[in-house]
Structure formats: structure tokens, C-alpha cells
Amino acid sequence: MKTNFFKKLMMPLAVMVLGIATAFTTTSMSSTKALVPVQGYKFISQADPCHIDAMCSNVVSVNLCTSGSSQLWGKVTPNAPTCDVKLYRP
């Protein structure tokens, strides 16, 4: 009698576990950021610390975003006076 009860219980339990795991996977997939280009800025001088240069990415990779031999940086907000966010090649 006990084994018959457990056999009937196993299939619905397995379906519930699979459903919960799928729900967590779907939720984590929707929270990834879209690959949106970010404006890169180059330091020229104290008078022009954030000179607009090229489009980069903020998704971490091995290749830093550069223009010639200069590394490009991003701003925390578009109105920020400094450029101190590390950017990468898309």
C-alpha cells in the first residue's frame, strides 16, 4: 500500500519541481540587459576632460574600448562632469 502511494505521488511532485525550475530560469533570462551602445569619451585636457569620441559597450569583455592609443571612458549619467566608467569594445 505504501509503495503504491509513493508511486502516485512521484509524478506530480516531479512536474511541480520542473515547473518551479522553469519559472526561475525564465525570470532570470528576462532580467538581462539589452546590448545598447554607450557613448565613449576621451580625456584631452583639464579644460576638456570628456571629449566625445566613439560608441562602446558597458558589457564586460577582454577588450577595452580605445581610440588610437587612448582608452575611452563613459559617464555615470549623461550630465556627469567626469568620465570614470570603464567601457569595452562591443
PDB file of N, CA and C in Angstrom:
ATOM      1  N   MET A   1       0.812  -1.189   0.000  1.00  0.00           N
ATOM      2  CA  MET A   1       0.000   0.000   0.000  1.00  0.00           C
ATOM      3  C   MET A   1       0.861   1.261   0.000  1.00  0.00           C
ATOM      4  N   LYS A   2       1.933   1.244   0.830  1.00  0.00           N
ATOM      5  CA  LYS A   2       2.794   2.417   0.907  1.00  0.00           C
ATOM      6  C   LYS A   2       3.504   2.678  -0.412  1.00  0.00           C
ATOM      7  N   THR A   3       4.010   1.657  -1.075  1.00  0.00           N
ATOM      8  CA  THR A   3       4.725   1.856  -2.340  1.00  0.00           C
ATOM      9  C   THR A   3       3.791   2.372  -3.415  1.00  0.00           C
ATOM     10  N   ASN A   4       2.561   1.957  -3.433  1.00  0.00           N
ATOM     11  CA  ASN A   4       1.584   2.421  -4.400  1.00  0.00           C
ATOM     12  C   ASN A   4       1.307   3.912  -4.192  1.00  0.00           C
ATOM     13  N   PHE A   5       1.243   4.349  -2.938  1.00  0.00           N
ATOM     14  CA  PHE A   5       1.015   5.755  -2.604  1.00  0.00           C
ATOM     15  C   PHE A   5       2.177   6.627  -3.098  1.00  0.00           C
ATOM     16  N   PHE A   6       3.419   6.174  -2.865  1.00  0.00           N
ATOM     17  CA  PHE A   6       4.602   6.933  -3.288  1.00  0.00           C
ATOM     18  C   PHE A   6       4.730   6.995  -4.808  1.00  0.00           C
ATOM     19  N   LYS A   7       4.358   5.929  -5.502  1.00  0.00           N
ATOM     20  CA  LYS A   7       4.408   5.918  -6.965  1.00  0.00           C
ATOM     21  C   LYS A   7       3.431   6.947  -7.541  1.00  0.00           C
ATOM     22  N   LYS A   8       2.269   7.069  -6.925  1.00  0.00           N
ATOM     23  CA  LYS A   8       1.277   8.037  -7.393  1.00  0.00           C
ATOM     24  C   LYS A   8       1.715   9.469  -7.079  1.00  0.00           C
ATOM     25  N   LEU A   9       2.499   9.646  -6.034  1.00  0.00           N
ATOM     26  CA  LEU A   9       2.928  10.972  -5.600  1.00  0.00           C
ATOM     27  C   LEU A   9       4.142  11.485  -6.385  1.00  0.00           C
ATOM     28  N   MET A  10       4.976  10.598  -6.896  1.00  0.00           N
ATOM     29  CA  MET A  10       6.224  10.988  -7.544  1.00  0.00           C
ATOM     30  C   MET A  10       6.012  11.801  -8.823  1.00  0.00           C
ATOM     31  N   MET A  11       5.131  11.428  -9.680  1.00  0.00           N
ATOM     32  CA  MET A  11       4.936  12.122 -10.957  1.00  0.00           C
ATOM     33  C   MET A  11       4.446  13.560 -10.746  1.00  0.00           C
ATOM     34  N   PRO A  12       3.427  13.837  -9.945  1.00  0.00           N
ATOM     35  CA  PRO A  12       3.023  15.229  -9.720  1.00  0.00           C
ATOM     36  C   PRO A  12       4.122  16.050  -9.037  1.00  0.00           C
ATOM     37  N   LEU A  13       4.864  15.439  -8.137  1.00  0.00           N
ATOM     38  CA  LEU A  13       5.961  16.130  -7.469  1.00  0.00           C
ATOM     39  C   LEU A  13       7.056  16.507  -8.465  1.00  0.00           C
ATOM     40  N   ALA A  14       7.394  15.601  -9.373  1.00  0.00           N
ATOM     41  CA  ALA A  14       8.402  15.883 -10.399  1.00  0.00           C
ATOM     42  C   ALA A  14       7.935  17.010 -11.328  1.00  0.00           C
ATOM     43  N   VAL A  15       6.670  17.034 -11.682  1.00  0.00           N
ATOM     44  CA  VAL A  15       6.128  18.083 -12.544  1.00  0.00           C
ATOM     45  C   VAL A  15       6.184  19.441 -11.839  1.00  0.00           C
ATOM     46  N   MET A  16       5.881  19.464 -10.538  1.00  0.00           N
ATOM     47  CA  MET A  16       5.945  20.723  -9.790  1.00  0.00           C
ATOM     48  C   MET A  16       7.378  21.243  -9.710  1.00  0.00           C
ATOM     49  N   VAL A  17       8.341  20.387  -9.444  1.00  0.00           N
ATOM     50  CA  VAL A  17       9.738  20.794  -9.357  1.00  0.00           C
ATOM     51  C   VAL A  17      10.211  21.329 -10.710  1.00  0.00           C
ATOM     52  N   LEU A  18       9.860  20.666 -11.779  1.00  0.00           N
ATOM     53  CA  LEU A  18      10.235  21.121 -13.117  1.00  0.00           C
ATOM     54  C   LEU A  18       9.598  22.473 -13.436  1.00  0.00           C
ATOM     55  N   GLY A  19       8.345  22.661 -13.042  1.00  0.00           N
ATOM     56  CA  GLY A  19       7.669  23.945 -13.276  1.00  0.00           C
ATOM     57  C   GLY A  19       8.312  25.085 -12.505  1.00  0.00           C
ATOM     58  N   ILE A  20       8.673  24.848 -11.259  1.00  0.00           N
ATOM     59  CA  ILE A  20       9.320  25.883 -10.457  1.00  0.00           C
ATOM     60  C   ILE A  20      10.689  26.237 -11.037  1.00  0.00           C
ATOM     61  N   ALA A  21      11.456  25.229 -11.428  1.00  0.00           N
ATOM     62  CA  ALA A  21      12.776  25.483 -12.019  1.00  0.00           C
ATOM     63  C   ALA A  21      12.651  26.281 -13.317  1.00  0.00           C
ATOM     64  N   THR A  22      11.664  25.966 -14.126  1.00  0.00           N
ATOM     65  CA  THR A  22      11.445  26.701 -15.384  1.00  0.00           C
ATOM     66  C   THR A  22      11.040  28.141 -15.109  1.00  0.00           C
ATOM     67  N   ALA A  23      10.249  28.375 -14.106  1.00  0.00           N
ATOM     68  CA  ALA A  23       9.829  29.742 -13.761  1.00  0.00           C
ATOM     69  C   ALA A  23      11.022  30.583 -13.336  1.00  0.00           C
ATOM     70  N   PHE A  24      11.913  30.032 -12.525  1.00  0.00           N
ATOM     71  CA  PHE A  24      13.108  30.775 -12.119  1.00  0.00           C
ATOM     72  C   PHE A  24      14.018  31.057 -13.301  1.00  0.00           C
ATOM     73  N   THR A  25      14.164  30.108 -14.199  1.00  0.00           N
ATOM     74  CA  THR A  25      15.003  30.299 -15.388  1.00  0.00           C
ATOM     75  C   THR A  25      14.433  31.388 -16.282  1.00  0.00           C
ATOM     76  N   THR A  26      13.151  31.387 -16.501  1.00  0.00           N
ATOM     77  CA  THR A  26      12.510  32.395 -17.339  1.00  0.00           C
ATOM     78  C   THR A  26      12.653  33.783 -16.729  1.00  0.00           C
ATOM     79  N   THR A  27      12.512  33.898 -15.430  1.00  0.00           N
ATOM     80  CA  THR A  27      12.649  35.185 -14.750  1.00  0.00           C
ATOM     81  C   THR A  27      14.064  35.716 -14.867  1.00  0.00           C
ATOM     82  N   SER A  28      15.061  34.869 -14.693  1.00  0.00           N
ATOM     83  CA  SER A  28      16.443  35.329 -14.778  1.00  0.00           C
ATOM     84  C   SER A  28      16.827  35.699 -16.205  1.00  0.00           C
ATOM     85  N   MET A  29      16.227  35.061 -17.206  1.00  0.00           N
ATOM     86  CA  MET A  29      16.527  35.402 -18.598  1.00  0.00           C
ATOM     87  C   MET A  29      15.982  36.778 -18.959  1.00  0.00           C
ATOM     88  N   SER A  30      14.855  37.156 -18.415  1.00  0.00           N
ATOM     89  CA  SER A  30      14.252  38.438 -18.777  1.00  0.00           C
ATOM     90  C   SER A  30      14.942  39.610 -18.089  1.00  0.00           C
ATOM     91  N   SER A  31      15.788  39.369 -17.101  1.00  0.00           N
ATOM     92  CA  SER A  31      16.434  40.461 -16.391  1.00  0.00           C
ATOM     93  C   SER A  31      17.778  40.861 -16.990  1.00  0.00           C
ATOM     94  N   THR A  32      18.215  40.223 -18.065  1.00  0.00           N
ATOM     95  CA  THR A  32      19.481  40.600 -18.688  1.00  0.00           C
ATOM     96  C   THR A  32      19.324  41.907 -19.442  1.00  0.00           C
ATOM     97  N   LYS A  33      20.385  42.701 -19.459  1.00  0.00           N
ATOM     98  CA  LYS A  33      20.347  43.989 -20.142  1.00  0.00           C
ATOM     99  C   LYS A  33      20.480  43.797 -21.648  1.00  0.00           C
ATOM    100  N   ALA A  34      19.815  44.637 -22.366  1.00  0.00           N
ATOM    101  CA  ALA A  34      19.959  44.630 -23.814  1.00  0.00           C
ATOM    102  C   ALA A  34      21.287  45.279 -24.170  1.00  0.00           C
ATOM    103  N   LEU A  35      21.863  44.843 -25.265  1.00  0.00           N
ATOM    104  CA  LEU A  35      23.137  45.400 -25.693  1.00  0.00           C
ATOM    105  C   LEU A  35      22.890  46.753 -26.364  1.00  0.00           C
ATOM    106  N   VAL A  36      23.055  47.803 -25.598  1.00  0.00           N
ATOM    107  CA  VAL A  36      22.825  49.157 -26.081  1.00  0.00           C
ATOM    108  C   VAL A  36      24.169  49.862 -26.146  1.00  0.00           C
ATOM    109  N   PRO A  37      24.502  50.499 -27.267  1.00  0.00           N
ATOM    110  CA  PRO A  37      25.766  51.227 -27.351  1.00  0.00           C
ATOM    111  C   PRO A  37      25.823  52.370 -26.342  1.00  0.00           C
ATOM    112  N   VAL A  38      27.015  52.612 -25.815  1.00  0.00           N
ATOM    113  CA  VAL A  38      27.246  53.664 -24.842  1.00  0.00           C
ATOM    114  C   VAL A  38      28.268  54.632 -25.431  1.00  0.00           C
ATOM    115  N   GLN A  39      28.036  55.923 -25.240  1.00  0.00           N
ATOM    116  CA  GLN A  39      28.970  56.931 -25.755  1.00  0.00           C
ATOM    117  C   GLN A  39      30.291  56.844 -25.002  1.00  0.00           C
ATOM    118  N   GLY A  40      31.394  56.791 -25.754  1.00  0.00           N
ATOM    119  CA  GLY A  40      32.729  56.775 -25.165  1.00  0.00           C
ATOM    120  C   GLY A  40      33.351  58.158 -25.244  1.00  0.00           C
ATOM    121  N   TYR A  41      34.070  58.544 -24.193  1.00  0.00           N
ATOM    122  CA  TYR A  41      34.698  59.859 -24.113  1.00  0.00           C
ATOM    123  C   TYR A  41      36.198  59.698 -23.903  1.00  0.00           C
ATOM    124  N   LYS A  42      36.964  60.628 -24.484  1.00  0.00           N
ATOM    125  CA  LYS A  42      38.418  60.616 -24.361  1.00  0.00           C
ATOM    126  C   LYS A  42      38.863  61.834 -23.569  1.00  0.00           C
ATOM    127  N   PHE A  43      39.864  61.638 -22.674  1.00  0.00           N
ATOM    128  CA  PHE A  43      40.424  62.755 -21.915  1.00  0.00           C
ATOM    129  C   PHE A  43      41.397  63.504 -22.822  1.00  0.00           C
ATOM    130  N   ILE A  44      41.157  64.811 -23.032  1.00  0.00           N
ATOM    131  CA  ILE A  44      42.034  65.650 -23.840  1.00  0.00           C
ATOM    132  C   ILE A  44      42.879  66.538 -22.926  1.00  0.00           C
ATOM    133  N   SER A  45      42.235  67.285 -22.051  1.00  0.00           N
ATOM    134  CA  SER A  45      42.923  68.177 -21.116  1.00  0.00           C
ATOM    135  C   SER A  45      41.981  68.475 -19.951  1.00  0.00           C
ATOM    136  N   GLN A  46      42.464  69.244 -18.965  1.00  0.00           N
ATOM    137  CA  GLN A  46      41.604  69.619 -17.838  1.00  0.00           C
ATOM    138  C   GLN A  46      40.420  70.461 -18.311  1.00  0.00           C
ATOM    139  N   ALA A  47      40.631  71.237 -19.358  1.00  0.00           N
ATOM    140  CA  ALA A  47      39.552  72.066 -19.895  1.00  0.00           C
ATOM    141  C   ALA A  47      38.528  71.225 -20.657  1.00  0.00           C
ATOM    142  N   ASP A  48      38.949  70.088 -21.221  1.00  0.00           N
ATOM    143  CA  ASP A  48      38.072  69.199 -21.989  1.00  0.00           C
ATOM    144  C   ASP A  48      38.272  67.754 -21.503  1.00  0.00           C
ATOM    145  N   PRO A  49      37.801  67.438 -20.272  1.00  0.00           N
ATOM    146  CA  PRO A  49      38.061  66.099 -19.725  1.00  0.00           C
ATOM    147  C   PRO A  49      37.231  64.988 -20.370  1.00  0.00           C
ATOM    148  N   CYS A  50      36.122  65.320 -20.986  1.00  0.00           N
ATOM    149  CA  CYS A  50      35.249  64.307 -21.598  1.00  0.00           C
ATOM    150  C   CYS A  50      34.916  64.717 -23.027  1.00  0.00           C
ATOM    151  N   HIS A  51      35.810  64.399 -23.937  1.00  0.00           N
ATOM    152  CA  HIS A  51      35.624  64.727 -25.346  1.00  0.00           C
ATOM    153  C   HIS A  51      34.940  63.534 -26.041  1.00  0.00           C
ATOM    154  N   ILE A  52      33.794  63.783 -26.675  1.00  0.00           N
ATOM    155  CA  ILE A  52      33.048  62.707 -27.349  1.00  0.00           C
ATOM    156  C   ILE A  52      33.910  62.094 -28.435  1.00  0.00           C
ATOM    157  N   ASP A  53      33.948  60.735 -28.455  1.00  0.00           N
ATOM    158  CA  ASP A  53      34.789  60.080 -29.447  1.00  0.00           C
ATOM    159  C   ASP A  53      34.066  58.979 -30.206  1.00  0.00           C
ATOM    160  N   ALA A  54      33.805  57.823 -29.595  1.00  0.00           N
ATOM    161  CA  ALA A  54      33.232  56.685 -30.320  1.00  0.00           C
ATOM    162  C   ALA A  54      32.224  55.947 -29.441  1.00  0.00           C
ATOM    163  N   MET A  55      31.456  55.069 -30.070  1.00  0.00           N
ATOM    164  CA  MET A  55      30.482  54.259 -29.340  1.00  0.00           C
ATOM    165  C   MET A  55      31.159  52.993 -28.818  1.00  0.00           C
ATOM    166  N   CYS A  56      30.839  52.641 -27.576  1.00  0.00           N
ATOM    167  CA  CYS A  56      31.414  51.480 -26.916  1.00  0.00           C
ATOM    168  C   CYS A  56      30.297  50.668 -26.285  1.00  0.00           C
ATOM    169  N   SER A  57      30.671  49.744 -25.396  1.00  0.00           N
ATOM    170  CA  SER A  57      29.708  48.920 -24.683  1.00  0.00           C
ATOM    171  C   SER A  57      30.087  48.880 -23.210  1.00  0.00           C
ATOM    172  N   ASN A  58      29.086  48.729 -22.335  1.00  0.00           N
ATOM    173  CA  ASN A  58      29.390  48.597 -20.914  1.00  0.00           C
ATOM    174  C   ASN A  58      29.335  47.143 -20.460  1.00  0.00           C
ATOM    175  N   VAL A  59      29.189  46.207 -21.405  1.00  0.00           N
ATOM    176  CA  VAL A  59      29.209  44.784 -21.103  1.00  0.00           C
ATOM    177  C   VAL A  59      30.670  44.353 -20.996  1.00  0.00           C
ATOM    178  N   VAL A  60      31.042  43.794 -19.849  1.00  0.00           N
ATOM    179  CA  VAL A  60      32.431  43.453 -19.572  1.00  0.00           C
ATOM    180  C   VAL A  60      32.953  42.419 -20.563  1.00  0.00           C
ATOM    181  N   SER A  61      34.117  42.713 -21.149  1.00  0.00           N
ATOM    182  CA  SER A  61      34.803  41.783 -22.046  1.00  0.00           C
ATOM    183  C   SER A  61      36.307  41.966 -21.871  1.00  0.00           C
ATOM    184  N   VAL A  62      37.081  41.238 -22.630  1.00  0.00           N
ATOM    185  CA  VAL A  62      38.540  41.302 -22.538  1.00  0.00           C
ATOM    186  C   VAL A  62      39.065  42.587 -23.174  1.00  0.00           C
ATOM    187  N   ASN A  63      38.433  43.054 -24.239  1.00  0.00           N
ATOM    188  CA  ASN A  63      38.925  44.201 -24.999  1.00  0.00           C
ATOM    189  C   ASN A  63      38.363  45.516 -24.474  1.00  0.00           C
ATOM    190  N   LEU A  64      39.249  46.399 -24.029  1.00  0.00           N
ATOM    191  CA  LEU A  64      38.831  47.739 -23.603  1.00  0.00           C
ATOM    192  C   LEU A  64      38.518  48.579 -24.832  1.00  0.00           C
ATOM    193  N   CYS A  65      37.649  49.538 -24.682  1.00  0.00           N
ATOM    194  CA  CYS A  65      37.292  50.432 -25.774  1.00  0.00           C
ATOM    195  C   CYS A  65      38.375  51.504 -25.890  1.00  0.00           C
ATOM    196  N   THR A  66      38.975  51.592 -27.059  1.00  0.00           N
ATOM    197  CA  THR A  66      40.051  52.555 -27.292  1.00  0.00           C
ATOM    198  C   THR A  66      39.810  53.309 -28.590  1.00  0.00           C
ATOM    199  N   SER A  67      40.511  54.436 -28.695  1.00  0.00           N
ATOM    200  CA  SER A  67      40.552  55.218 -29.923  1.00  0.00           C
ATOM    201  C   SER A  67      42.010  55.579 -30.127  1.00  0.00           C
ATOM    202  N   GLY A  68      42.642  54.941 -31.089  1.00  0.00           N
ATOM    203  CA  GLY A  68      44.079  55.096 -31.242  1.00  0.00           C
ATOM    204  C   GLY A  68      44.756  54.442 -30.052  1.00  0.00           C
ATOM    205  N   SER A  69      45.565  55.211 -29.327  1.00  0.00           N
ATOM    206  CA  SER A  69      46.217  54.669 -28.131  1.00  0.00           C
ATOM    207  C   SER A  69      45.533  55.129 -26.843  1.00  0.00           C
ATOM    208  N   SER A  70      44.433  55.859 -26.957  1.00  0.00           N
ATOM    209  CA  SER A  70      43.730  56.380 -25.781  1.00  0.00           C
ATOM    210  C   SER A  70      42.562  55.471 -25.397  1.00  0.00           C
ATOM    211  N   GLN A  71      42.442  55.210 -24.098  1.00  0.00           N
ATOM    212  CA  GLN A  71      41.299  54.450 -23.597  1.00  0.00           C
ATOM    213  C   GLN A  71      40.104  55.378 -23.496  1.00  0.00           C
ATOM    214  N   LEU A  72      38.936  54.854 -23.882  1.00  0.00           N
ATOM    215  CA  LEU A  72      37.701  55.635 -23.795  1.00  0.00           C
ATOM    216  C   LEU A  72      36.959  55.270 -22.517  1.00  0.00           C
ATOM    217  N   TRP A  73      36.281  56.261 -21.947  1.00  0.00           N
ATOM    218  CA  TRP A  73      35.563  56.118 -20.690  1.00  0.00           C
ATOM    219  C   TRP A  73      34.130  56.571 -20.877  1.00  0.00           C
ATOM    220  N   GLY A  74      33.248  56.147 -19.994  1.00  0.00           N
ATOM    221  CA  GLY A  74      31.850  56.538 -20.039  1.00  0.00           C
ATOM    222  C   GLY A  74      31.481  57.374 -18.833  1.00  0.00           C
ATOM    223  N   LYS A  75      30.288  57.954 -18.887  1.00  0.00           N
ATOM    224  CA  LYS A  75      29.760  58.760 -17.790  1.00  0.00           C
ATOM    225  C   LYS A  75      28.702  57.957 -17.037  1.00  0.00           C
ATOM    226  N   VAL A  76      28.607  58.202 -15.738  1.00  0.00           N
ATOM    227  CA  VAL A  76      27.581  57.553 -14.922  1.00  0.00           C
ATOM    228  C   VAL A  76      26.203  58.018 -15.367  1.00  0.00           C
ATOM    229  N   THR A  77      26.045  59.322 -15.575  1.00  0.00           N
ATOM    230  CA  THR A  77      24.820  59.905 -16.117  1.00  0.00           C
ATOM    231  C   THR A  77      25.235  60.838 -17.253  1.00  0.00           C
ATOM    232  N   PRO A  78      24.364  61.124 -18.187  1.00  0.00           N
ATOM    233  CA  PRO A  78      24.741  61.991 -19.309  1.00  0.00           C
ATOM    234  C   PRO A  78      25.228  63.383 -18.892  1.00  0.00           C
ATOM    235  N   ASN A  79      24.783  63.887 -17.746  1.00  0.00           N
ATOM    236  CA  ASN A  79      25.172  65.221 -17.305  1.00  0.00           C
ATOM    237  C   ASN A  79      26.358  65.223 -16.344  1.00  0.00           C
ATOM    238  N   ALA A  80      26.951  64.071 -16.092  1.00  0.00           N
ATOM    239  CA  ALA A  80      28.076  63.986 -15.151  1.00  0.00           C
ATOM    240  C   ALA A  80      29.285  64.753 -15.698  1.00  0.00           C
ATOM    241  N   PRO A  81      30.017  65.473 -14.848  1.00  0.00           N
ATOM    242  CA  PRO A  81      31.171  66.246 -15.303  1.00  0.00           C
ATOM    243  C   PRO A  81      32.414  65.402 -15.546  1.00  0.00           C
ATOM    244  N   THR A  82      32.458  64.192 -14.981  1.00  0.00           N
ATOM    245  CA  THR A  82      33.637  63.349 -15.157  1.00  0.00           C
ATOM    246  C   THR A  82      33.296  62.076 -15.916  1.00  0.00           C
ATOM    247  N   CYS A  83      34.312  61.490 -16.495  1.00  0.00           N
ATOM    248  CA  CYS A  83      34.171  60.236 -17.241  1.00  0.00           C
ATOM    249  C   CYS A  83      35.013  59.184 -16.522  1.00  0.00           C
ATOM    250  N   ASP A  84      34.386  58.336 -15.747  1.00  0.00           N
ATOM    251  CA  ASP A  84      35.148  57.366 -14.973  1.00  0.00           C
ATOM    252  C   ASP A  84      34.586  55.951 -15.016  1.00  0.00           C
ATOM    253  N   VAL A  85      33.739  55.665 -16.004  1.00  0.00           N
ATOM    254  CA  VAL A  85      33.163  54.320 -16.158  1.00  0.00           C
ATOM    255  C   VAL A  85      33.935  53.590 -17.240  1.00  0.00           C
ATOM    256  N   LYS A  86      34.488  52.432 -16.892  1.00  0.00           N
ATOM    257  CA  LYS A  86      35.282  51.652 -17.842  1.00  0.00           C
ATOM    258  C   LYS A  86      34.361  51.096 -18.937  1.00  0.00           C
ATOM    259  N   LEU A  87      34.765  51.262 -20.193  1.00  0.00           N
ATOM    260  CA  LEU A  87      33.978  50.771 -21.322  1.00  0.00           C
ATOM    261  C   LEU A  87      34.759  49.722 -22.105  1.00  0.00           C
ATOM    262  N   TYR A  88      34.039  48.920 -22.861  1.00  0.00           N
ATOM    263  CA  TYR A  88      34.631  47.803 -23.602  1.00  0.00           C
ATOM    264  C   TYR A  88      34.197  47.854 -25.066  1.00  0.00           C
ATOM    265  N   ARG A  89      34.933  47.123 -25.893  1.00  0.00           N
ATOM    266  CA  ARG A  89      34.559  47.019 -27.313  1.00  0.00           C
ATOM    267  C   ARG A  89      33.290  46.209 -27.430  1.00  0.00           C
ATOM    268  N   PRO A  90      32.374  46.641 -28.303  1.00  0.00           N
ATOM    269  CA  PRO A  90      31.122  45.862 -28.477  1.00  0.00           C
ATOM    270  C   PRO A  90      31.382  44.557 -29.201  1.00  0.00           C
TER     271      PRO A  90
END
